[in-house]
């Protein structure tokens, strides 16, 4: 029921409202400068359907879609939670359709043996890299919030990472 209510949302209006509430001046200047200088390139936005990635998608749409029509959404369905995984994919698809943004979906194997977070992350990132290649892009946008940063640092400390390994994600990370 929640997904059907969310799918009925006017996503372009939500993006316009969000971009009025959160101006470009309030965003990380390194990110906005970078993106404003890359509007002629295709961008990929990862979107799981969760609040972080949906927020990012709406923020990018509200502030940048008129400047760059080469924006794509990448969604990876691990297929590990049955109907719930499929509902998230449908939700992201409905949002993209209403925003008139192309969606590229990746599908995982629900029967994989290694279902560790690290293994699943590798599969997602492999898909994201392949999707970027497909669109001829080099810019991948991911929505992270402060709890994600703290969680990542704790996981890296537990694995024995040194100071370089426990650095939090940067506003812009070049590979």
N, C-alpha and C. Protein backbone atom coordinates (compact mmCIF):
# COMPACT_ATOMS: atom_id res chain seq x y z
N UNK A 1 0.82 -1.18 0.00
CA UNK A 1 0.00 0.00 0.00
C UNK A 1 0.87 1.26 0.00
N UNK A 2 1.95 1.25 0.79
CA UNK A 2 2.84 2.41 0.84
C UNK A 2 3.42 2.68 -0.54
N UNK A 3 3.86 1.62 -1.23
CA UNK A 3 4.44 1.80 -2.56
C UNK A 3 3.42 2.39 -3.53
N UNK A 4 2.15 1.96 -3.45
CA UNK A 4 1.15 2.51 -4.37
C UNK A 4 0.88 3.98 -4.06
N UNK A 5 0.93 4.36 -2.79
CA UNK A 5 0.76 5.78 -2.44
C UNK A 5 1.93 6.60 -2.95
N UNK A 6 3.14 6.10 -2.78
CA UNK A 6 4.33 6.82 -3.24
C UNK A 6 4.36 6.92 -4.75
N UNK A 7 3.92 5.86 -5.43
CA UNK A 7 3.94 5.87 -6.89
C UNK A 7 2.96 6.91 -7.43
N UNK A 8 1.97 7.29 -6.64
CA UNK A 8 0.98 8.27 -7.08
C UNK A 8 1.45 9.71 -6.86
N UNK A 9 2.63 9.89 -6.29
CA UNK A 9 3.16 11.22 -6.03
C UNK A 9 3.50 11.92 -7.34
N UNK A 10 3.30 13.23 -7.36
CA UNK A 10 3.70 14.05 -8.50
C UNK A 10 5.19 14.34 -8.34
N UNK A 11 6.04 13.47 -8.93
CA UNK A 11 7.48 13.56 -8.72
C UNK A 11 8.10 14.82 -9.29
N UNK A 12 7.70 15.31 -10.46
CA UNK A 12 8.28 16.58 -10.92
C UNK A 12 7.97 17.73 -9.95
N UNK A 13 6.77 17.76 -9.44
CA UNK A 13 6.39 18.82 -8.48
C UNK A 13 7.21 18.66 -7.19
N UNK A 14 7.37 17.43 -6.73
CA UNK A 14 8.17 17.18 -5.52
C UNK A 14 9.61 17.65 -5.73
N UNK A 15 10.16 17.41 -6.92
CA UNK A 15 11.53 17.84 -7.22
C UNK A 15 11.63 19.37 -7.26
N UNK A 16 10.64 20.01 -7.86
CA UNK A 16 10.66 21.48 -7.89
C UNK A 16 10.57 22.06 -6.48
N UNK A 17 9.71 21.48 -5.66
CA UNK A 17 9.56 21.94 -4.28
C UNK A 17 10.86 21.74 -3.51
N UNK A 18 11.47 20.58 -3.65
CA UNK A 18 12.72 20.29 -2.97
C UNK A 18 13.82 21.26 -3.40
N UNK A 19 13.89 21.56 -4.69
CA UNK A 19 14.95 22.46 -5.16
C UNK A 19 14.70 23.90 -4.70
N UNK A 20 13.47 24.25 -4.39
CA UNK A 20 13.19 25.58 -3.81
C UNK A 20 13.59 25.61 -2.34
N UNK A 21 13.36 24.49 -1.66
CA UNK A 21 13.68 24.40 -0.22
C UNK A 21 15.18 24.29 0.03
N UNK A 22 15.86 23.61 -0.88
CA UNK A 22 17.31 23.40 -0.74
C UNK A 22 17.97 23.98 -2.00
N UNK A 23 18.48 25.17 -1.85
CA UNK A 23 19.10 25.85 -3.00
C UNK A 23 20.47 25.26 -3.30
N UNK A 24 20.96 25.55 -4.49
CA UNK A 24 22.30 25.09 -4.87
C UNK A 24 23.35 25.63 -3.91
N UNK A 25 23.12 26.82 -3.37
CA UNK A 25 24.08 27.42 -2.43
C UNK A 25 24.22 26.60 -1.14
N UNK A 26 23.21 25.81 -0.82
CA UNK A 26 23.24 25.01 0.40
C UNK A 26 23.93 23.67 0.20
N UNK A 27 24.22 23.33 -1.03
CA UNK A 27 24.86 22.05 -1.33
C UNK A 27 26.38 22.23 -1.30
N UNK A 28 27.07 21.13 -1.26
CA UNK A 28 28.54 21.17 -1.21
C UNK A 28 29.05 21.88 -2.47
N UNK A 29 29.78 22.98 -2.30
CA UNK A 29 30.21 23.76 -3.47
C UNK A 29 31.09 22.99 -4.44
N UNK A 30 31.89 22.08 -3.94
CA UNK A 30 32.74 21.29 -4.83
C UNK A 30 31.87 20.43 -5.75
N UNK A 31 30.78 19.89 -5.22
CA UNK A 31 29.88 19.06 -6.02
C UNK A 31 29.13 19.89 -7.05
N UNK A 32 28.55 21.01 -6.62
CA UNK A 32 27.77 21.81 -7.55
C UNK A 32 28.65 22.39 -8.66
N UNK A 33 29.84 22.87 -8.31
CA UNK A 33 30.75 23.39 -9.33
C UNK A 33 31.12 22.30 -10.34
N UNK A 34 31.42 21.12 -9.82
CA UNK A 34 31.79 20.00 -10.68
C UNK A 34 30.64 19.68 -11.65
N UNK A 35 29.43 19.53 -11.10
CA UNK A 35 28.29 19.15 -11.95
C UNK A 35 27.93 20.25 -12.94
N UNK A 36 27.97 21.49 -12.51
CA UNK A 36 27.65 22.59 -13.43
C UNK A 36 28.63 22.67 -14.59
N UNK A 37 29.85 22.18 -14.39
CA UNK A 37 30.85 22.16 -15.46
C UNK A 37 30.80 20.87 -16.29
N UNK A 38 29.91 19.97 -15.94
CA UNK A 38 29.82 18.68 -16.64
C UNK A 38 28.44 18.43 -17.23
N UNK A 39 27.68 19.49 -17.51
CA UNK A 39 26.30 19.30 -17.99
C UNK A 39 26.23 18.77 -19.41
N UNK A 40 27.34 18.74 -20.12
CA UNK A 40 27.35 18.18 -21.47
C UNK A 40 27.67 16.69 -21.46
N UNK A 41 27.89 16.11 -20.28
CA UNK A 41 28.22 14.69 -20.17
C UNK A 41 27.05 13.91 -19.58
N UNK A 42 26.93 12.63 -19.91
CA UNK A 42 25.89 11.81 -19.29
C UNK A 42 26.23 11.52 -17.83
N UNK A 43 25.20 11.51 -16.99
CA UNK A 43 25.35 11.20 -15.56
C UNK A 43 24.50 9.98 -15.24
N UNK A 44 25.01 9.16 -14.35
CA UNK A 44 24.24 8.05 -13.81
C UNK A 44 23.93 8.35 -12.35
N UNK A 45 22.68 8.13 -11.96
CA UNK A 45 22.27 8.29 -10.57
C UNK A 45 21.83 6.92 -10.07
N UNK A 46 22.46 6.44 -9.01
CA UNK A 46 22.04 5.16 -8.45
C UNK A 46 20.79 5.41 -7.62
N UNK A 47 19.80 4.53 -7.77
CA UNK A 47 18.57 4.70 -7.00
C UNK A 47 18.02 3.34 -6.60
N UNK A 48 18.04 3.07 -5.30
CA UNK A 48 17.51 1.83 -4.77
C UNK A 48 16.01 1.94 -4.54
N UNK A 49 15.52 3.17 -4.44
CA UNK A 49 14.13 3.41 -4.07
C UNK A 49 14.02 3.84 -2.62
N UNK A 50 15.14 3.80 -1.90
CA UNK A 50 15.16 4.26 -0.52
C UNK A 50 15.20 5.77 -0.44
N UNK A 51 15.06 6.29 0.77
CA UNK A 51 14.96 7.73 0.95
C UNK A 51 16.21 8.48 0.50
N UNK A 52 17.40 7.97 0.76
CA UNK A 52 18.64 8.66 0.38
C UNK A 52 18.74 8.83 -1.13
N UNK A 53 18.55 7.74 -1.85
CA UNK A 53 18.72 7.80 -3.30
C UNK A 53 17.56 8.52 -3.98
N UNK A 54 16.36 8.41 -3.44
CA UNK A 54 15.23 9.14 -4.00
C UNK A 54 15.42 10.64 -3.80
N UNK A 55 15.92 11.03 -2.63
CA UNK A 55 16.22 12.43 -2.35
C UNK A 55 17.23 12.95 -3.36
N UNK A 56 18.29 12.20 -3.59
CA UNK A 56 19.31 12.60 -4.56
C UNK A 56 18.70 12.74 -5.95
N UNK A 57 17.92 11.77 -6.37
CA UNK A 57 17.30 11.81 -7.70
C UNK A 57 16.45 13.08 -7.85
N UNK A 58 15.62 13.37 -6.86
CA UNK A 58 14.75 14.55 -6.93
C UNK A 58 15.56 15.84 -6.89
N UNK A 59 16.60 15.86 -6.09
CA UNK A 59 17.45 17.06 -6.00
C UNK A 59 18.16 17.32 -7.33
N UNK A 60 18.70 16.28 -7.94
CA UNK A 60 19.38 16.42 -9.23
C UNK A 60 18.36 16.83 -10.30
N UNK A 61 17.21 16.21 -10.29
CA UNK A 61 16.17 16.57 -11.26
C UNK A 61 15.78 18.04 -11.10
N UNK A 62 15.54 18.46 -9.87
CA UNK A 62 15.10 19.82 -9.60
C UNK A 62 16.12 20.88 -9.97
N UNK A 63 17.39 20.58 -9.76
CA UNK A 63 18.43 21.58 -10.00
C UNK A 63 19.14 21.45 -11.35
N UNK A 64 19.19 20.26 -11.91
CA UNK A 64 20.06 20.06 -13.06
C UNK A 64 19.38 19.52 -14.33
N UNK A 65 18.18 19.00 -14.24
CA UNK A 65 17.60 18.32 -15.40
C UNK A 65 17.41 19.27 -16.58
N UNK A 66 17.10 20.53 -16.31
CA UNK A 66 16.94 21.48 -17.42
C UNK A 66 18.28 21.79 -18.08
N UNK A 67 19.36 21.57 -17.36
CA UNK A 67 20.70 21.84 -17.88
C UNK A 67 21.32 20.62 -18.57
N UNK A 68 20.88 19.43 -18.18
CA UNK A 68 21.47 18.20 -18.70
C UNK A 68 20.38 17.15 -18.89
N UNK A 69 20.03 16.91 -20.14
CA UNK A 69 18.99 15.91 -20.45
C UNK A 69 19.59 14.50 -20.54
N UNK A 70 20.90 14.38 -20.31
CA UNK A 70 21.58 13.08 -20.36
C UNK A 70 21.75 12.49 -18.96
N UNK A 71 20.66 12.42 -18.23
CA UNK A 71 20.68 11.86 -16.88
C UNK A 71 19.97 10.51 -16.92
N UNK A 72 20.60 9.52 -16.34
CA UNK A 72 20.07 8.16 -16.31
C UNK A 72 20.01 7.69 -14.87
N UNK A 73 19.05 6.84 -14.58
CA UNK A 73 18.96 6.22 -13.26
C UNK A 73 19.35 4.76 -13.40
N UNK A 74 20.20 4.31 -12.47
CA UNK A 74 20.62 2.91 -12.42
C UNK A 74 20.01 2.27 -11.16
N UNK A 75 19.28 1.20 -11.37
CA UNK A 75 18.68 0.47 -10.23
C UNK A 75 19.13 -0.99 -10.32
N UNK A 76 19.62 -1.51 -9.21
CA UNK A 76 20.04 -2.92 -9.16
C UNK A 76 19.13 -3.68 -8.22
N UNK A 77 18.44 -4.68 -8.75
CA UNK A 77 17.54 -5.52 -7.97
C UNK A 77 18.28 -6.82 -7.67
N UNK A 78 18.67 -6.98 -6.42
CA UNK A 78 19.40 -8.20 -6.03
C UNK A 78 18.51 -9.43 -6.04
N UNK A 79 17.20 -9.24 -6.03
CA UNK A 79 16.23 -10.35 -6.03
C UNK A 79 16.32 -11.19 -4.76
N UNK A 80 16.75 -10.59 -3.66
CA UNK A 80 16.93 -11.36 -2.43
C UNK A 80 15.74 -11.26 -1.47
N UNK A 81 14.85 -10.31 -1.71
CA UNK A 81 13.71 -10.14 -0.80
C UNK A 81 12.38 -10.39 -1.50
N UNK A 82 12.42 -11.19 -2.55
CA UNK A 82 11.21 -11.59 -3.26
C UNK A 82 10.39 -10.42 -3.78
N UNK A 83 9.13 -10.42 -3.42
CA UNK A 83 8.19 -9.42 -3.91
C UNK A 83 8.61 -8.00 -3.52
N UNK A 84 9.20 -7.84 -2.33
CA UNK A 84 9.63 -6.52 -1.89
C UNK A 84 10.69 -5.94 -2.82
N UNK A 85 11.64 -6.76 -3.25
CA UNK A 85 12.67 -6.30 -4.20
C UNK A 85 12.04 -5.86 -5.52
N UNK A 86 11.08 -6.65 -5.99
CA UNK A 86 10.41 -6.33 -7.25
C UNK A 86 9.57 -5.06 -7.12
N UNK A 87 8.94 -4.86 -5.97
CA UNK A 87 8.14 -3.65 -5.73
C UNK A 87 9.03 -2.41 -5.75
N UNK A 88 10.22 -2.51 -5.18
CA UNK A 88 11.15 -1.37 -5.23
C UNK A 88 11.53 -1.04 -6.66
N UNK A 89 11.77 -2.06 -7.46
CA UNK A 89 12.11 -1.83 -8.86
C UNK A 89 10.94 -1.15 -9.59
N UNK A 90 9.72 -1.61 -9.34
CA UNK A 90 8.54 -0.99 -9.96
C UNK A 90 8.39 0.46 -9.50
N UNK A 91 8.66 0.71 -8.23
CA UNK A 91 8.56 2.06 -7.69
C UNK A 91 9.55 2.99 -8.38
N UNK A 92 10.81 2.57 -8.48
CA UNK A 92 11.83 3.38 -9.14
C UNK A 92 11.46 3.59 -10.60
N UNK A 93 10.95 2.56 -11.25
CA UNK A 93 10.53 2.67 -12.65
C UNK A 93 9.42 3.69 -12.81
N UNK A 94 8.43 3.67 -11.91
CA UNK A 94 7.32 4.63 -11.98
C UNK A 94 7.82 6.06 -11.77
N UNK A 95 8.74 6.25 -10.83
CA UNK A 95 9.32 7.59 -10.60
C UNK A 95 10.03 8.09 -11.84
N UNK A 96 10.86 7.24 -12.43
CA UNK A 96 11.63 7.63 -13.61
C UNK A 96 10.71 7.94 -14.79
N UNK A 97 9.67 7.14 -14.93
CA UNK A 97 8.73 7.37 -16.03
C UNK A 97 8.08 8.74 -15.88
N UNK A 98 7.65 9.08 -14.68
CA UNK A 98 7.00 10.37 -14.46
C UNK A 98 8.00 11.53 -14.60
N UNK A 99 9.25 11.30 -14.23
CA UNK A 99 10.28 12.34 -14.37
C UNK A 99 10.85 12.39 -15.79
N UNK A 100 10.46 11.42 -16.61
CA UNK A 100 10.97 11.32 -17.98
C UNK A 100 12.49 11.16 -18.01
N UNK A 101 12.97 10.29 -17.13
CA UNK A 101 14.39 9.96 -17.04
C UNK A 101 14.56 8.48 -17.38
N UNK A 102 15.53 8.18 -18.21
CA UNK A 102 15.78 6.79 -18.60
C UNK A 102 16.26 5.97 -17.41
N UNK A 103 15.79 4.75 -17.33
CA UNK A 103 16.15 3.82 -16.26
C UNK A 103 16.86 2.62 -16.85
N UNK A 104 17.96 2.25 -16.23
CA UNK A 104 18.67 1.03 -16.60
C UNK A 104 18.68 0.14 -15.35
N UNK A 105 18.12 -1.05 -15.49
CA UNK A 105 18.01 -1.97 -14.34
C UNK A 105 18.97 -3.14 -14.49
N UNK A 106 19.51 -3.54 -13.37
CA UNK A 106 20.33 -4.74 -13.29
C UNK A 106 19.61 -5.74 -12.40
N UNK A 107 19.75 -7.01 -12.71
CA UNK A 107 19.05 -8.05 -11.97
C UNK A 107 20.07 -9.03 -11.39
N UNK A 108 19.97 -9.25 -10.09
CA UNK A 108 20.86 -10.19 -9.42
C UNK A 108 20.30 -11.60 -9.44
N UNK A 109 21.06 -12.51 -8.90
CA UNK A 109 20.68 -13.91 -8.82
C UNK A 109 20.28 -14.23 -7.38
N UNK A 110 19.00 -14.54 -7.13
CA UNK A 110 18.58 -14.81 -5.76
C UNK A 110 19.20 -16.08 -5.17
N UNK A 111 19.81 -16.90 -6.01
CA UNK A 111 20.39 -18.17 -5.55
C UNK A 111 21.90 -18.09 -5.31
N UNK A 112 22.47 -16.89 -5.36
CA UNK A 112 23.92 -16.78 -5.13
C UNK A 112 24.26 -17.27 -3.74
N UNK A 113 25.44 -17.82 -3.62
CA UNK A 113 25.86 -18.38 -2.33
C UNK A 113 26.37 -17.30 -1.38
N UNK A 114 27.20 -16.39 -1.89
CA UNK A 114 27.79 -15.35 -1.04
C UNK A 114 26.87 -14.12 -1.04
N UNK A 115 26.14 -13.98 0.05
CA UNK A 115 25.21 -12.85 0.17
C UNK A 115 25.72 -11.80 1.17
N UNK A 116 27.03 -11.77 1.34
CA UNK A 116 27.61 -10.79 2.25
C UNK A 116 27.46 -9.39 1.66
N UNK A 117 27.46 -8.38 2.51
CA UNK A 117 27.33 -6.99 2.06
C UNK A 117 28.42 -6.64 1.06
N UNK A 118 29.65 -7.10 1.33
CA UNK A 118 30.76 -6.82 0.43
C UNK A 118 30.56 -7.42 -0.95
N UNK A 119 30.11 -8.66 -0.99
CA UNK A 119 29.88 -9.34 -2.27
C UNK A 119 28.74 -8.66 -3.04
N UNK A 120 27.67 -8.32 -2.35
CA UNK A 120 26.54 -7.66 -3.00
C UNK A 120 26.94 -6.28 -3.51
N UNK A 121 27.75 -5.56 -2.74
CA UNK A 121 28.22 -4.25 -3.16
C UNK A 121 29.05 -4.38 -4.44
N UNK A 122 29.92 -5.42 -4.51
CA UNK A 122 30.73 -5.64 -5.71
C UNK A 122 29.84 -5.86 -6.94
N UNK A 123 28.78 -6.65 -6.77
CA UNK A 123 27.86 -6.92 -7.88
C UNK A 123 27.17 -5.63 -8.34
N UNK A 124 26.71 -4.82 -7.37
CA UNK A 124 26.07 -3.54 -7.72
C UNK A 124 27.04 -2.63 -8.46
N UNK A 125 28.25 -2.52 -7.93
CA UNK A 125 29.22 -1.61 -8.53
C UNK A 125 29.68 -2.09 -9.91
N UNK A 126 29.74 -3.38 -10.11
CA UNK A 126 30.04 -3.91 -11.44
C UNK A 126 28.93 -3.50 -12.40
N UNK A 127 27.67 -3.64 -11.96
CA UNK A 127 26.54 -3.22 -12.79
C UNK A 127 26.61 -1.72 -13.08
N UNK A 128 26.90 -0.91 -12.05
CA UNK A 128 26.98 0.55 -12.24
C UNK A 128 28.06 0.90 -13.26
N UNK A 129 29.21 0.25 -13.18
CA UNK A 129 30.29 0.50 -14.14
C UNK A 129 29.87 0.12 -15.56
N UNK A 130 29.19 -1.03 -15.70
CA UNK A 130 28.72 -1.46 -17.02
C UNK A 130 27.67 -0.49 -17.56
N UNK A 131 26.78 -0.01 -16.68
CA UNK A 131 25.74 0.94 -17.10
C UNK A 131 26.37 2.27 -17.53
N UNK A 132 27.38 2.71 -16.79
CA UNK A 132 28.08 3.95 -17.17
C UNK A 132 28.71 3.80 -18.55
N UNK A 133 29.34 2.66 -18.78
CA UNK A 133 29.94 2.39 -20.10
C UNK A 133 28.88 2.45 -21.18
N UNK A 134 27.73 1.85 -20.89
CA UNK A 134 26.63 1.78 -21.86
C UNK A 134 26.17 3.18 -22.27
N UNK A 135 26.12 4.13 -21.34
CA UNK A 135 25.66 5.48 -21.66
C UNK A 135 26.81 6.40 -22.07
N UNK A 136 28.04 5.88 -22.03
CA UNK A 136 29.21 6.68 -22.38
C UNK A 136 29.53 7.73 -21.32
N UNK A 137 29.22 7.40 -20.06
CA UNK A 137 29.41 8.35 -18.98
C UNK A 137 30.58 8.01 -18.07
N UNK A 138 30.96 9.02 -17.28
CA UNK A 138 32.02 8.85 -16.30
C UNK A 138 31.60 9.38 -14.93
N UNK A 139 30.36 9.87 -14.82
CA UNK A 139 29.90 10.48 -13.58
C UNK A 139 28.80 9.62 -12.98
N UNK A 140 29.05 9.16 -11.76
CA UNK A 140 28.09 8.33 -11.03
C UNK A 140 27.76 9.03 -9.72
N UNK A 141 26.48 9.29 -9.50
CA UNK A 141 26.03 9.98 -8.30
C UNK A 141 25.36 8.97 -7.37
N UNK A 142 25.80 8.99 -6.11
CA UNK A 142 25.25 8.09 -5.10
C UNK A 142 24.73 8.91 -3.92
N UNK A 143 23.60 8.53 -3.39
CA UNK A 143 23.04 9.24 -2.24
C UNK A 143 23.49 8.57 -0.95
N UNK A 144 24.25 9.29 -0.14
CA UNK A 144 24.67 8.80 1.16
C UNK A 144 24.35 9.86 2.20
N UNK A 145 24.03 9.42 3.38
CA UNK A 145 23.80 10.36 4.48
C UNK A 145 24.77 10.03 5.60
N UNK A 146 24.77 10.84 6.63
CA UNK A 146 25.78 10.76 7.69
C UNK A 146 25.84 9.37 8.34
N UNK A 147 24.71 8.69 8.49
CA UNK A 147 24.73 7.35 9.09
C UNK A 147 25.46 6.35 8.20
N UNK A 148 25.34 6.52 6.88
CA UNK A 148 26.07 5.64 5.96
C UNK A 148 27.57 5.84 6.12
N UNK A 149 27.98 7.07 6.28
CA UNK A 149 29.40 7.38 6.44
C UNK A 149 29.93 6.73 7.72
N UNK A 150 29.20 6.89 8.82
CA UNK A 150 29.63 6.30 10.09
C UNK A 150 29.68 4.77 9.99
N UNK A 151 28.67 4.18 9.37
CA UNK A 151 28.62 2.73 9.22
C UNK A 151 29.81 2.23 8.39
N UNK A 152 30.10 2.94 7.31
CA UNK A 152 31.22 2.54 6.46
C UNK A 152 32.54 2.61 7.22
N UNK A 153 32.74 3.67 8.00
CA UNK A 153 33.97 3.80 8.78
C UNK A 153 34.10 2.67 9.79
N UNK A 154 33.02 2.34 10.48
CA UNK A 154 33.05 1.26 11.47
C UNK A 154 33.35 -0.09 10.82
N UNK A 155 32.75 -0.34 9.66
CA UNK A 155 33.02 -1.60 8.96
C UNK A 155 34.49 -1.68 8.55
N UNK A 156 35.04 -0.58 8.09
CA UNK A 156 36.44 -0.57 7.66
C UNK A 156 37.39 -0.75 8.85
N UNK A 157 37.07 -0.14 9.99
CA UNK A 157 37.88 -0.31 11.19
C UNK A 157 37.86 -1.78 11.61
N UNK A 158 36.67 -2.40 11.59
CA UNK A 158 36.53 -3.79 11.97
C UNK A 158 37.34 -4.72 11.07
N UNK A 159 37.52 -4.32 9.81
CA UNK A 159 38.31 -5.13 8.87
C UNK A 159 39.79 -4.86 9.00
N UNK A 160 40.18 -3.90 9.86
CA UNK A 160 41.58 -3.62 10.07
C UNK A 160 42.18 -2.60 9.13
N UNK A 161 41.34 -1.77 8.54
CA UNK A 161 41.85 -0.74 7.63
C UNK A 161 42.71 0.26 8.36
N UNK A 162 43.68 0.79 7.65
CA UNK A 162 44.50 1.88 8.19
C UNK A 162 43.80 3.20 8.01
N UNK A 163 44.49 4.28 8.30
CA UNK A 163 43.86 5.60 8.23
C UNK A 163 43.35 5.93 6.83
N UNK A 164 44.05 5.50 5.81
CA UNK A 164 43.59 5.75 4.44
C UNK A 164 42.31 5.00 4.14
N UNK A 165 42.16 3.83 4.73
CA UNK A 165 40.97 3.02 4.48
C UNK A 165 39.74 3.43 5.25
N UNK A 166 39.94 4.16 6.33
CA UNK A 166 38.76 4.55 7.11
C UNK A 166 38.27 5.95 6.77
N UNK A 167 38.90 6.59 5.81
CA UNK A 167 38.43 7.92 5.40
C UNK A 167 37.00 7.81 4.90
N UNK A 168 36.21 8.76 5.32
CA UNK A 168 34.81 8.79 4.90
C UNK A 168 34.72 9.08 3.41
N UNK A 169 33.61 8.71 2.79
CA UNK A 169 33.44 9.06 1.39
C UNK A 169 33.57 10.56 1.19
N UNK A 170 34.20 10.93 0.12
CA UNK A 170 34.40 12.33 -0.18
C UNK A 170 33.23 12.86 -0.98
N UNK A 171 33.08 14.19 -1.01
CA UNK A 171 32.02 14.78 -1.80
C UNK A 171 32.16 14.38 -3.27
N UNK A 172 33.40 14.38 -3.75
CA UNK A 172 33.72 13.91 -5.10
C UNK A 172 34.87 12.94 -4.98
N UNK A 173 34.72 11.79 -5.59
CA UNK A 173 35.76 10.77 -5.53
C UNK A 173 36.10 10.40 -6.97
N UNK A 174 37.36 10.52 -7.34
CA UNK A 174 37.80 10.20 -8.68
C UNK A 174 38.43 8.80 -8.69
N UNK A 175 38.07 8.02 -9.69
CA UNK A 175 38.64 6.68 -9.87
C UNK A 175 39.40 6.65 -11.17
